[in-house]
N, C-alpha and C. Protein backbone atom coordinates (compact mmCIF):
# COMPACT_ATOMS: atom_id res chain seq x y z
N MET A 1 136.13 96.33 107.55
CA MET A 1 136.40 95.40 108.64
C MET A 1 137.80 94.85 108.45
N GLY A 2 138.59 94.84 109.52
CA GLY A 2 139.97 94.37 109.43
C GLY A 2 140.07 92.86 109.46
N PHE A 3 141.30 92.39 109.18
CA PHE A 3 141.57 90.95 109.12
C PHE A 3 141.25 90.26 110.44
N LEU A 4 141.70 90.84 111.57
CA LEU A 4 141.47 90.21 112.87
C LEU A 4 139.98 90.19 113.22
N ASP A 5 139.27 91.27 112.85
CA ASP A 5 137.82 91.29 113.09
C ASP A 5 137.13 90.16 112.34
N LYS A 6 137.54 89.96 111.09
CA LYS A 6 136.95 88.87 110.29
C LYS A 6 137.30 87.52 110.90
N LEU A 7 138.56 87.39 111.31
CA LEU A 7 139.04 86.13 111.86
C LEU A 7 138.27 85.76 113.13
N PHE A 8 138.04 86.74 113.99
CA PHE A 8 137.34 86.49 115.24
C PHE A 8 135.85 86.83 115.17
N LYS A 9 135.38 87.06 113.96
CA LYS A 9 133.97 87.30 113.69
C LYS A 9 133.39 88.44 114.52
N LYS A 10 134.13 89.49 114.69
CA LYS A 10 133.65 90.67 115.39
C LYS A 10 132.70 91.41 114.44
N THR A 11 131.52 91.72 114.91
CA THR A 11 130.55 92.38 114.05
C THR A 11 130.42 93.85 114.39
N THR A 12 130.03 94.61 113.41
CA THR A 12 129.80 96.03 113.62
C THR A 12 128.40 96.24 114.18
N LYS A 13 128.15 97.43 114.73
CA LYS A 13 126.82 97.76 115.26
C LYS A 13 125.75 97.61 114.18
N GLU A 14 126.07 98.06 112.97
CA GLU A 14 125.11 97.97 111.87
C GLU A 14 124.77 96.52 111.55
N GLU A 15 125.77 95.64 111.55
CA GLU A 15 125.52 94.22 111.27
C GLU A 15 124.65 93.60 112.37
N GLU A 16 124.89 94.00 113.62
CA GLU A 16 124.08 93.48 114.72
C GLU A 16 122.63 93.92 114.57
N VAL A 17 122.42 95.18 114.22
CA VAL A 17 121.06 95.70 114.02
C VAL A 17 120.36 94.94 112.91
N MET A 18 121.09 94.65 111.84
CA MET A 18 120.47 94.01 110.67
C MET A 18 120.09 92.56 110.95
N THR A 19 120.71 91.93 111.97
CA THR A 19 120.40 90.52 112.23
C THR A 19 119.44 90.31 113.40
N GLU A 20 119.31 91.29 114.30
CA GLU A 20 118.41 91.09 115.44
C GLU A 20 116.96 91.34 115.03
N LYS A 21 116.05 90.68 115.73
CA LYS A 21 114.63 90.83 115.42
C LYS A 21 114.11 92.18 115.90
N LEU A 22 113.26 92.77 115.08
CA LEU A 22 112.62 94.03 115.44
C LEU A 22 111.39 93.75 116.31
N ASN A 23 110.98 94.78 117.04
CA ASN A 23 109.73 94.74 117.79
C ASN A 23 108.72 95.60 117.04
N ILE A 24 107.66 94.96 116.56
CA ILE A 24 106.65 95.64 115.74
C ILE A 24 105.32 95.65 116.49
N GLY A 25 104.76 96.84 116.68
CA GLY A 25 103.47 96.98 117.32
C GLY A 25 102.34 97.05 116.32
N ILE A 26 101.33 96.25 116.52
CA ILE A 26 100.13 96.27 115.68
C ILE A 26 99.11 97.13 116.42
N ILE A 27 98.96 98.37 115.98
CA ILE A 27 98.19 99.37 116.72
C ILE A 27 96.73 99.36 116.30
N LEU A 28 95.86 99.10 117.27
CA LEU A 28 94.41 99.12 117.02
C LEU A 28 93.94 100.56 117.05
N GLY A 29 93.39 101.03 115.93
CA GLY A 29 93.09 102.45 115.77
C GLY A 29 91.70 102.90 116.16
N SER A 30 90.98 102.11 116.93
CA SER A 30 89.64 102.49 117.36
C SER A 30 89.46 102.15 118.83
N THR A 31 88.62 102.93 119.51
CA THR A 31 88.35 102.65 120.92
C THR A 31 86.86 102.46 121.19
N ARG A 32 86.02 102.58 120.18
CA ARG A 32 84.58 102.58 120.40
C ARG A 32 84.05 101.19 120.76
N ASP A 33 82.90 101.15 121.42
CA ASP A 33 82.23 99.88 121.72
C ASP A 33 81.84 99.21 120.40
N GLY A 34 81.96 97.90 120.35
CA GLY A 34 81.56 97.17 119.16
C GLY A 34 82.57 97.22 118.02
N ARG A 35 83.74 97.76 118.26
CA ARG A 35 84.76 97.88 117.21
C ARG A 35 85.19 96.50 116.72
N VAL A 36 85.65 96.46 115.46
CA VAL A 36 86.14 95.20 114.89
C VAL A 36 87.65 95.20 114.74
N SER A 37 88.31 96.28 115.12
CA SER A 37 89.76 96.34 114.98
C SER A 37 90.49 95.22 115.73
N PRO A 38 90.01 94.75 116.89
CA PRO A 38 90.70 93.62 117.52
C PRO A 38 90.71 92.36 116.65
N GLN A 39 89.62 92.14 115.92
CA GLN A 39 89.57 90.97 115.04
C GLN A 39 90.60 91.11 113.92
N VAL A 40 90.67 92.30 113.32
CA VAL A 40 91.61 92.53 112.22
C VAL A 40 93.04 92.46 112.74
N GLY A 41 93.28 93.06 113.91
CA GLY A 41 94.62 93.04 114.49
C GLY A 41 95.10 91.63 114.79
N GLU A 42 94.22 90.80 115.35
CA GLU A 42 94.60 89.41 115.66
C GLU A 42 94.87 88.62 114.38
N TRP A 43 94.13 88.91 113.32
CA TRP A 43 94.36 88.26 112.03
C TRP A 43 95.74 88.64 111.50
N VAL A 44 96.08 89.91 111.52
CA VAL A 44 97.41 90.35 111.06
C VAL A 44 98.49 89.70 111.93
N LYS A 45 98.29 89.69 113.23
CA LYS A 45 99.29 89.09 114.12
C LYS A 45 99.46 87.60 113.85
N SER A 46 98.37 86.89 113.57
CA SER A 46 98.49 85.45 113.30
C SER A 46 99.31 85.19 112.04
N ILE A 47 99.16 86.04 111.04
CA ILE A 47 99.97 85.93 109.82
C ILE A 47 101.42 86.27 110.14
N ALA A 48 101.62 87.36 110.87
CA ALA A 48 102.96 87.84 111.20
C ALA A 48 103.74 86.84 112.04
N ASP A 49 103.08 86.25 113.04
CA ASP A 49 103.77 85.33 113.93
C ASP A 49 104.30 84.10 113.21
N LYS A 50 103.64 83.68 112.14
CA LYS A 50 104.10 82.52 111.38
C LYS A 50 105.40 82.80 110.65
N ARG A 51 105.71 84.06 110.43
CA ARG A 51 106.91 84.44 109.69
C ARG A 51 108.18 84.27 110.51
N GLY A 52 108.11 84.55 111.81
CA GLY A 52 109.28 84.41 112.68
C GLY A 52 110.37 85.43 112.46
N ASP A 53 110.07 86.52 111.74
CA ASP A 53 111.11 87.49 111.39
C ASP A 53 111.17 88.68 112.33
N ALA A 54 110.19 88.83 113.22
CA ALA A 54 110.14 89.94 114.17
C ALA A 54 109.27 89.54 115.35
N ASN A 55 109.32 90.34 116.39
CA ASN A 55 108.44 90.15 117.54
C ASN A 55 107.24 91.07 117.34
N TYR A 56 106.07 90.49 117.19
CA TYR A 56 104.85 91.25 116.93
C TYR A 56 103.97 91.26 118.17
N GLU A 57 103.35 92.40 118.44
CA GLU A 57 102.42 92.48 119.57
C GLU A 57 101.29 93.44 119.24
N ILE A 58 100.12 93.14 119.80
CA ILE A 58 98.97 94.04 119.68
C ILE A 58 99.15 95.19 120.66
N VAL A 59 98.96 96.41 120.18
CA VAL A 59 99.00 97.60 121.03
C VAL A 59 97.64 98.28 120.88
N ASP A 60 96.87 98.23 121.95
CA ASP A 60 95.49 98.74 121.93
C ASP A 60 95.45 100.13 122.57
N ILE A 61 95.19 101.16 121.77
CA ILE A 61 95.19 102.52 122.32
C ILE A 61 94.10 102.69 123.39
N ALA A 62 93.06 101.87 123.35
CA ALA A 62 91.99 101.96 124.35
C ALA A 62 92.51 101.71 125.76
N GLU A 63 93.55 100.89 125.89
CA GLU A 63 94.08 100.54 127.21
C GLU A 63 94.77 101.73 127.89
N TYR A 64 95.16 102.74 127.12
CA TYR A 64 95.91 103.86 127.69
C TYR A 64 95.02 105.00 128.15
N LYS A 65 93.75 104.94 127.82
CA LYS A 65 92.75 105.91 128.29
C LYS A 65 93.24 107.36 128.15
N LEU A 66 93.63 107.72 126.96
CA LEU A 66 94.15 109.06 126.70
C LEU A 66 93.00 110.05 126.50
N PRO A 67 92.89 111.07 127.33
CA PRO A 67 91.86 112.09 127.09
C PRO A 67 92.26 112.93 125.88
N LEU A 68 91.38 113.78 125.41
CA LEU A 68 91.76 114.67 124.33
C LEU A 68 92.99 115.47 124.76
N LEU A 69 93.95 115.54 123.87
CA LEU A 69 95.21 116.21 124.18
C LEU A 69 94.95 117.63 124.70
N GLY A 70 95.50 117.94 125.88
CA GLY A 70 95.36 119.26 126.46
C GLY A 70 94.11 119.46 127.29
N GLU A 71 93.30 118.41 127.45
CA GLU A 71 92.06 118.56 128.21
C GLU A 71 92.07 117.70 129.48
N GLY A 72 93.02 117.97 130.34
CA GLY A 72 93.04 117.28 131.62
C GLY A 72 94.23 116.36 131.79
N GLU A 73 94.27 115.74 132.95
CA GLU A 73 95.35 114.82 133.31
C GLU A 73 95.35 113.62 132.36
N ALA A 74 96.53 113.16 132.03
CA ALA A 74 96.67 112.01 131.14
C ALA A 74 97.65 111.02 131.75
N PRO A 75 97.21 110.27 132.78
CA PRO A 75 98.13 109.35 133.45
C PRO A 75 98.68 108.27 132.52
N GLY A 76 97.95 107.96 131.46
CA GLY A 76 98.42 106.93 130.52
C GLY A 76 99.42 107.42 129.50
N ALA A 77 99.67 108.72 129.45
CA ALA A 77 100.55 109.29 128.42
C ALA A 77 101.98 108.79 128.54
N ALA A 78 102.50 108.70 129.76
CA ALA A 78 103.88 108.23 129.95
C ALA A 78 104.01 106.77 129.51
N ALA A 79 103.04 105.95 129.89
CA ALA A 79 103.07 104.53 129.50
C ALA A 79 102.94 104.39 127.98
N TRP A 80 102.12 105.23 127.36
CA TRP A 80 101.95 105.22 125.91
C TRP A 80 103.27 105.53 125.22
N ASN A 81 103.95 106.59 125.66
CA ASN A 81 105.23 106.95 125.07
C ASN A 81 106.29 105.88 125.32
N GLU A 82 106.27 105.30 126.49
CA GLU A 82 107.21 104.22 126.81
C GLU A 82 107.00 103.02 125.90
N LYS A 83 105.74 102.66 125.68
CA LYS A 83 105.44 101.54 124.79
C LYS A 83 105.93 101.83 123.37
N LEU A 84 105.62 103.03 122.85
CA LEU A 84 106.05 103.38 121.50
C LEU A 84 107.56 103.38 121.38
N ALA A 85 108.24 103.88 122.41
CA ALA A 85 109.70 103.93 122.38
C ALA A 85 110.32 102.54 122.32
N SER A 86 109.62 101.53 122.83
CA SER A 86 110.14 100.16 122.84
C SER A 86 109.97 99.46 121.50
N LEU A 87 109.27 100.10 120.57
CA LEU A 87 108.97 99.47 119.28
C LEU A 87 109.86 100.02 118.17
N ASP A 88 110.13 99.18 117.18
CA ASP A 88 110.95 99.57 116.04
C ASP A 88 110.11 99.89 114.81
N GLY A 89 108.86 99.51 114.83
CA GLY A 89 107.97 99.74 113.70
C GLY A 89 106.54 99.46 114.10
N PHE A 90 105.65 99.76 113.16
CA PHE A 90 104.22 99.68 113.47
C PHE A 90 103.42 99.14 112.28
N VAL A 91 102.30 98.52 112.60
CA VAL A 91 101.26 98.23 111.61
C VAL A 91 99.99 98.86 112.19
N PHE A 92 99.47 99.85 111.49
CA PHE A 92 98.26 100.52 111.96
C PHE A 92 97.03 99.82 111.40
N ILE A 93 96.11 99.45 112.27
CA ILE A 93 94.81 98.90 111.86
C ILE A 93 93.87 100.11 111.84
N VAL A 94 93.46 100.49 110.64
CA VAL A 94 92.80 101.78 110.44
C VAL A 94 91.38 101.60 109.90
N GLN A 95 90.42 102.20 110.60
CA GLN A 95 89.03 102.21 110.15
C GLN A 95 88.75 103.57 109.54
N GLU A 96 87.91 103.60 108.54
CA GLU A 96 87.56 104.89 107.94
C GLU A 96 86.29 105.44 108.57
N TYR A 97 86.40 106.65 109.11
CA TYR A 97 85.26 107.38 109.65
C TYR A 97 85.18 108.72 108.91
N ASN A 98 84.10 108.94 108.20
CA ASN A 98 83.91 110.22 107.49
C ASN A 98 85.14 110.60 106.65
N HIS A 99 85.64 109.63 105.89
CA HIS A 99 86.76 109.83 104.97
C HIS A 99 88.09 110.06 105.67
N SER A 100 88.22 109.70 106.95
CA SER A 100 89.49 109.90 107.65
C SER A 100 89.66 108.85 108.74
N ILE A 101 90.73 109.01 109.53
CA ILE A 101 90.99 108.10 110.65
C ILE A 101 90.10 108.50 111.84
N THR A 102 90.06 107.65 112.84
CA THR A 102 89.26 107.96 114.02
C THR A 102 89.91 109.10 114.81
N GLY A 103 89.09 109.81 115.56
CA GLY A 103 89.60 110.84 116.45
C GLY A 103 90.52 110.24 117.51
N ALA A 104 90.21 109.04 117.97
CA ALA A 104 91.03 108.38 118.99
C ALA A 104 92.43 108.10 118.48
N LEU A 105 92.55 107.66 117.21
CA LEU A 105 93.87 107.40 116.66
C LEU A 105 94.65 108.70 116.47
N LYS A 106 93.98 109.73 115.95
CA LYS A 106 94.68 111.02 115.78
C LYS A 106 95.16 111.54 117.13
N ASN A 107 94.35 111.42 118.14
CA ASN A 107 94.72 111.86 119.48
C ASN A 107 95.93 111.08 119.99
N ALA A 108 95.92 109.75 119.80
CA ALA A 108 97.04 108.92 120.25
C ALA A 108 98.32 109.26 119.50
N LEU A 109 98.20 109.55 118.21
CA LEU A 109 99.37 109.96 117.43
C LEU A 109 99.95 111.26 118.00
N ASP A 110 99.08 112.18 118.37
CA ASP A 110 99.51 113.49 118.87
C ASP A 110 100.13 113.43 120.26
N TYR A 111 99.87 112.37 121.01
CA TYR A 111 100.39 112.26 122.37
C TYR A 111 101.88 111.91 122.41
N ALA A 112 102.47 111.64 121.28
CA ALA A 112 103.91 111.31 121.24
C ALA A 112 104.56 112.06 120.09
N ARG A 113 105.86 112.18 120.15
CA ARG A 113 106.60 112.82 119.07
C ARG A 113 107.86 112.00 118.76
N GLU A 114 108.88 112.15 119.59
CA GLU A 114 110.15 111.46 119.32
C GLU A 114 110.00 109.94 119.29
N ALA A 115 109.05 109.41 120.05
CA ALA A 115 108.87 107.95 120.09
C ALA A 115 108.45 107.39 118.74
N TRP A 116 107.91 108.23 117.86
CA TRP A 116 107.51 107.79 116.52
C TRP A 116 108.67 107.91 115.52
N ASN A 117 109.59 108.82 115.77
CA ASN A 117 110.58 109.23 114.77
C ASN A 117 111.47 108.10 114.28
N ASN A 118 111.73 108.12 112.95
CA ASN A 118 112.66 107.20 112.30
C ASN A 118 112.30 105.73 112.52
N LYS A 119 111.02 105.45 112.36
CA LYS A 119 110.54 104.07 112.43
C LYS A 119 109.65 103.81 111.21
N SER A 120 109.48 102.55 110.89
CA SER A 120 108.69 102.17 109.72
C SER A 120 107.27 101.83 110.12
N ALA A 121 106.35 101.91 109.15
CA ALA A 121 104.96 101.57 109.43
C ALA A 121 104.25 101.08 108.19
N GLY A 122 103.37 100.13 108.41
CA GLY A 122 102.46 99.67 107.38
C GLY A 122 101.04 99.98 107.83
N ILE A 123 100.12 99.91 106.89
CA ILE A 123 98.71 100.21 107.17
C ILE A 123 97.86 99.05 106.66
N VAL A 124 96.93 98.60 107.49
CA VAL A 124 95.86 97.69 107.06
C VAL A 124 94.57 98.45 107.36
N SER A 125 93.82 98.78 106.31
CA SER A 125 92.63 99.61 106.51
C SER A 125 91.36 98.88 106.07
N TYR A 126 90.24 99.37 106.61
CA TYR A 126 88.95 98.81 106.18
C TYR A 126 87.88 99.88 106.22
N GLY A 127 86.87 99.65 105.41
CA GLY A 127 85.76 100.57 105.30
C GLY A 127 84.97 100.26 104.05
N SER A 128 84.06 101.15 103.69
CA SER A 128 83.22 100.91 102.50
C SER A 128 84.05 100.94 101.22
N THR A 129 85.13 101.70 101.20
CA THR A 129 86.05 101.70 100.06
C THR A 129 87.42 101.17 100.49
N GLY A 130 87.42 100.22 101.40
CA GLY A 130 88.66 99.63 101.88
C GLY A 130 89.44 100.52 102.83
N GLY A 131 88.84 101.62 103.25
CA GLY A 131 89.53 102.52 104.16
C GLY A 131 90.64 103.33 103.50
N ALA A 132 90.62 103.38 102.18
CA ALA A 132 91.72 104.04 101.43
C ALA A 132 91.87 105.51 101.78
N ARG A 133 90.76 106.22 101.97
CA ARG A 133 90.85 107.66 102.26
C ARG A 133 91.42 107.90 103.65
N ALA A 134 91.07 107.05 104.60
CA ALA A 134 91.64 107.16 105.95
C ALA A 134 93.14 106.90 105.91
N ALA A 135 93.54 105.90 105.13
CA ALA A 135 94.97 105.57 105.02
C ALA A 135 95.75 106.74 104.43
N GLU A 136 95.18 107.40 103.45
CA GLU A 136 95.88 108.55 102.86
C GLU A 136 96.03 109.69 103.86
N HIS A 137 95.03 109.91 104.68
CA HIS A 137 95.14 110.93 105.72
C HIS A 137 96.23 110.54 106.73
N LEU A 138 96.25 109.27 107.10
CA LEU A 138 97.26 108.79 108.05
C LEU A 138 98.67 108.97 107.49
N ARG A 139 98.85 108.75 106.20
CA ARG A 139 100.18 108.91 105.59
C ARG A 139 100.70 110.34 105.78
N GLY A 140 99.83 111.32 105.63
CA GLY A 140 100.24 112.72 105.82
C GLY A 140 100.69 112.99 107.25
N ILE A 141 99.97 112.42 108.20
CA ILE A 141 100.32 112.59 109.62
C ILE A 141 101.64 111.90 109.91
N MET A 142 101.82 110.69 109.36
CA MET A 142 103.06 109.96 109.61
C MET A 142 104.26 110.71 109.05
N GLY A 143 104.09 111.38 107.93
CA GLY A 143 105.19 112.16 107.38
C GLY A 143 105.66 113.22 108.35
N GLU A 144 104.73 113.89 108.99
CA GLU A 144 105.08 114.93 109.97
C GLU A 144 105.77 114.34 111.20
N LEU A 145 105.42 113.11 111.56
CA LEU A 145 106.00 112.45 112.73
C LEU A 145 107.27 111.67 112.39
N MET A 146 107.75 111.81 111.17
CA MET A 146 108.96 111.12 110.71
C MET A 146 108.84 109.59 110.81
N ILE A 147 107.64 109.11 110.47
CA ILE A 147 107.41 107.67 110.36
C ILE A 147 107.45 107.35 108.87
N ALA A 148 108.25 106.36 108.48
CA ALA A 148 108.36 105.99 107.08
C ALA A 148 107.32 104.92 106.75
N ASP A 149 106.25 105.34 106.05
CA ASP A 149 105.19 104.39 105.71
C ASP A 149 105.54 103.66 104.42
N VAL A 150 105.25 102.37 104.40
CA VAL A 150 105.58 101.53 103.24
C VAL A 150 104.45 101.57 102.22
N ARG A 151 104.77 101.18 101.01
CA ARG A 151 103.83 101.30 99.89
C ARG A 151 102.69 100.30 99.95
N THR A 152 103.00 99.03 100.19
CA THR A 152 101.96 98.00 100.13
C THR A 152 100.97 98.20 101.27
N HIS A 153 99.69 98.14 100.90
CA HIS A 153 98.63 98.55 101.81
C HIS A 153 97.41 97.65 101.62
N PRO A 154 97.25 96.61 102.45
CA PRO A 154 96.06 95.77 102.36
C PRO A 154 94.80 96.57 102.70
N THR A 155 93.81 96.52 101.81
CA THR A 155 92.54 97.22 102.02
C THR A 155 91.42 96.19 102.12
N LEU A 156 90.64 96.30 103.17
CA LEU A 156 89.57 95.34 103.45
C LEU A 156 88.22 96.03 103.29
N SER A 157 87.30 95.33 102.66
CA SER A 157 85.98 95.90 102.40
C SER A 157 84.96 95.44 103.44
N LEU A 158 84.18 96.39 103.93
CA LEU A 158 83.10 96.04 104.84
C LEU A 158 82.08 95.11 104.18
N PHE A 159 82.00 95.16 102.84
CA PHE A 159 81.00 94.38 102.12
C PHE A 159 81.44 92.96 101.82
N THR A 160 82.74 92.74 101.62
CA THR A 160 83.19 91.41 101.21
C THR A 160 84.07 90.71 102.24
N ASP A 161 84.59 91.43 103.22
CA ASP A 161 85.49 90.83 104.21
C ASP A 161 84.89 90.77 105.61
N PHE A 162 83.65 91.23 105.74
CA PHE A 162 82.96 91.20 107.03
C PHE A 162 81.55 90.65 106.82
N GLU A 163 81.12 89.80 107.73
CA GLU A 163 79.75 89.29 107.70
C GLU A 163 78.91 90.20 108.57
N ASN A 164 77.83 90.71 108.01
CA ASN A 164 76.95 91.66 108.72
C ASN A 164 77.72 92.87 109.24
N PHE A 165 78.76 93.24 108.54
CA PHE A 165 79.60 94.41 108.89
C PHE A 165 80.25 94.30 110.27
N SER A 166 80.23 93.12 110.87
CA SER A 166 80.75 93.02 112.23
C SER A 166 81.65 91.81 112.49
N THR A 167 81.49 90.74 111.74
CA THR A 167 82.32 89.55 111.95
C THR A 167 83.33 89.47 110.82
N PHE A 168 84.59 89.53 111.17
CA PHE A 168 85.66 89.59 110.18
C PHE A 168 85.90 88.23 109.55
N LYS A 169 85.73 88.16 108.24
CA LYS A 169 85.99 86.94 107.47
C LYS A 169 86.75 87.34 106.21
N PRO A 170 88.07 87.54 106.34
CA PRO A 170 88.87 88.06 105.22
C PRO A 170 88.97 87.07 104.06
N GLN A 171 89.02 87.63 102.88
CA GLN A 171 89.25 86.81 101.70
C GLN A 171 90.72 86.40 101.65
N ASP A 172 90.98 85.23 101.09
CA ASP A 172 92.34 84.70 101.02
C ASP A 172 93.28 85.60 100.21
N MET A 173 92.73 86.36 99.29
CA MET A 173 93.57 87.19 98.42
C MET A 173 94.37 88.23 99.20
N HIS A 174 93.98 88.54 100.42
CA HIS A 174 94.68 89.56 101.21
C HIS A 174 95.99 89.06 101.82
N LEU A 175 96.15 87.75 101.89
CA LEU A 175 97.32 87.17 102.55
C LEU A 175 98.63 87.63 101.92
N ASP A 176 98.71 87.63 100.61
CA ASP A 176 99.95 88.05 99.93
C ASP A 176 100.28 89.51 100.22
N ASN A 177 99.25 90.37 100.23
CA ASN A 177 99.50 91.79 100.50
C ASN A 177 99.97 92.02 101.94
N VAL A 178 99.40 91.29 102.89
CA VAL A 178 99.83 91.44 104.27
C VAL A 178 101.30 91.03 104.40
N ASN A 179 101.66 89.92 103.81
CA ASN A 179 103.06 89.46 103.89
C ASN A 179 104.01 90.42 103.19
N LEU A 180 103.62 90.95 102.05
CA LEU A 180 104.47 91.91 101.35
C LEU A 180 104.63 93.19 102.18
N MET A 181 103.54 93.65 102.77
CA MET A 181 103.62 94.82 103.63
C MET A 181 104.57 94.57 104.80
N LEU A 182 104.48 93.41 105.42
CA LEU A 182 105.36 93.08 106.54
C LEU A 182 106.82 92.97 106.11
N ASP A 183 107.06 92.44 104.90
CA ASP A 183 108.43 92.43 104.35
C ASP A 183 108.99 93.84 104.32
N GLN A 184 108.19 94.78 103.83
CA GLN A 184 108.63 96.16 103.69
C GLN A 184 108.82 96.84 105.04
N VAL A 185 107.89 96.61 105.98
CA VAL A 185 108.01 97.20 107.32
C VAL A 185 109.31 96.72 107.98
N ASN A 186 109.62 95.44 107.85
CA ASN A 186 110.83 94.91 108.45
C ASN A 186 112.10 95.44 107.78
N ALA A 187 112.11 95.48 106.45
CA ALA A 187 113.29 95.97 105.74
C ALA A 187 113.58 97.42 106.09
N TRP A 188 112.55 98.25 106.03
CA TRP A 188 112.73 99.67 106.35
C TRP A 188 113.02 99.85 107.84
N GLY A 189 112.38 99.05 108.68
CA GLY A 189 112.61 99.14 110.12
C GLY A 189 114.06 98.87 110.49
N LYS A 190 114.65 97.87 109.86
CA LYS A 190 116.06 97.56 110.13
C LYS A 190 116.97 98.67 109.65
N ALA A 191 116.68 99.20 108.48
CA ALA A 191 117.50 100.29 107.96
C ALA A 191 117.40 101.52 108.86
N LEU A 192 116.20 101.86 109.28
CA LEU A 192 116.00 103.05 110.12
C LEU A 192 116.59 102.88 111.51
N LYS A 193 116.64 101.66 112.00
CA LYS A 193 117.21 101.45 113.34
C LYS A 193 118.68 101.84 113.38
N THR A 194 119.36 101.75 112.26
CA THR A 194 120.79 102.10 112.22
C THR A 194 121.03 103.59 112.41
N ILE A 195 120.00 104.44 112.24
CA ILE A 195 120.20 105.88 112.41
C ILE A 195 119.58 106.41 113.69
N ARG A 196 118.95 105.55 114.48
CA ARG A 196 118.37 106.01 115.75
C ARG A 196 119.37 105.96 116.87
């Protein structure tokens, strides 16, 4: 940066990217009746909003009514891609079904390509083993979509964080992990925005 730029406080594109707030989508990974992902998503958003470091919003794949990829008209596909393109990073709320992610989430991931590229993502998972196996499957998919997933991964147990497996009552110990995950999503998200 030259003397006059410093004097008149002219900033570079990279400096502007590093100081502006990112838009982070909290993606609900289930569409079934009786799902608990909205409860988990709202909990993550309530923690995130207190931070003031990014603009966080719930993104519910159920609202886009995506049919199985390749099986008919998909009027929601354009809106889905548009929404993803407007985001700088993601937090996936992931339920474990048969040791993997839901079919609805895999389908939604497949409906976009470039809109995912060079963005950061965190995972909050739940299940009988904290959803760990589903999260590992999701990491492999994100690698193919050029999504940079962060290391810290809050895992919630159906046995200790849910009452009757349906009412979300998280233990306080998860708060630190959620905040650390969000720190990482934001740091990587800002770095990746400079190359998009």
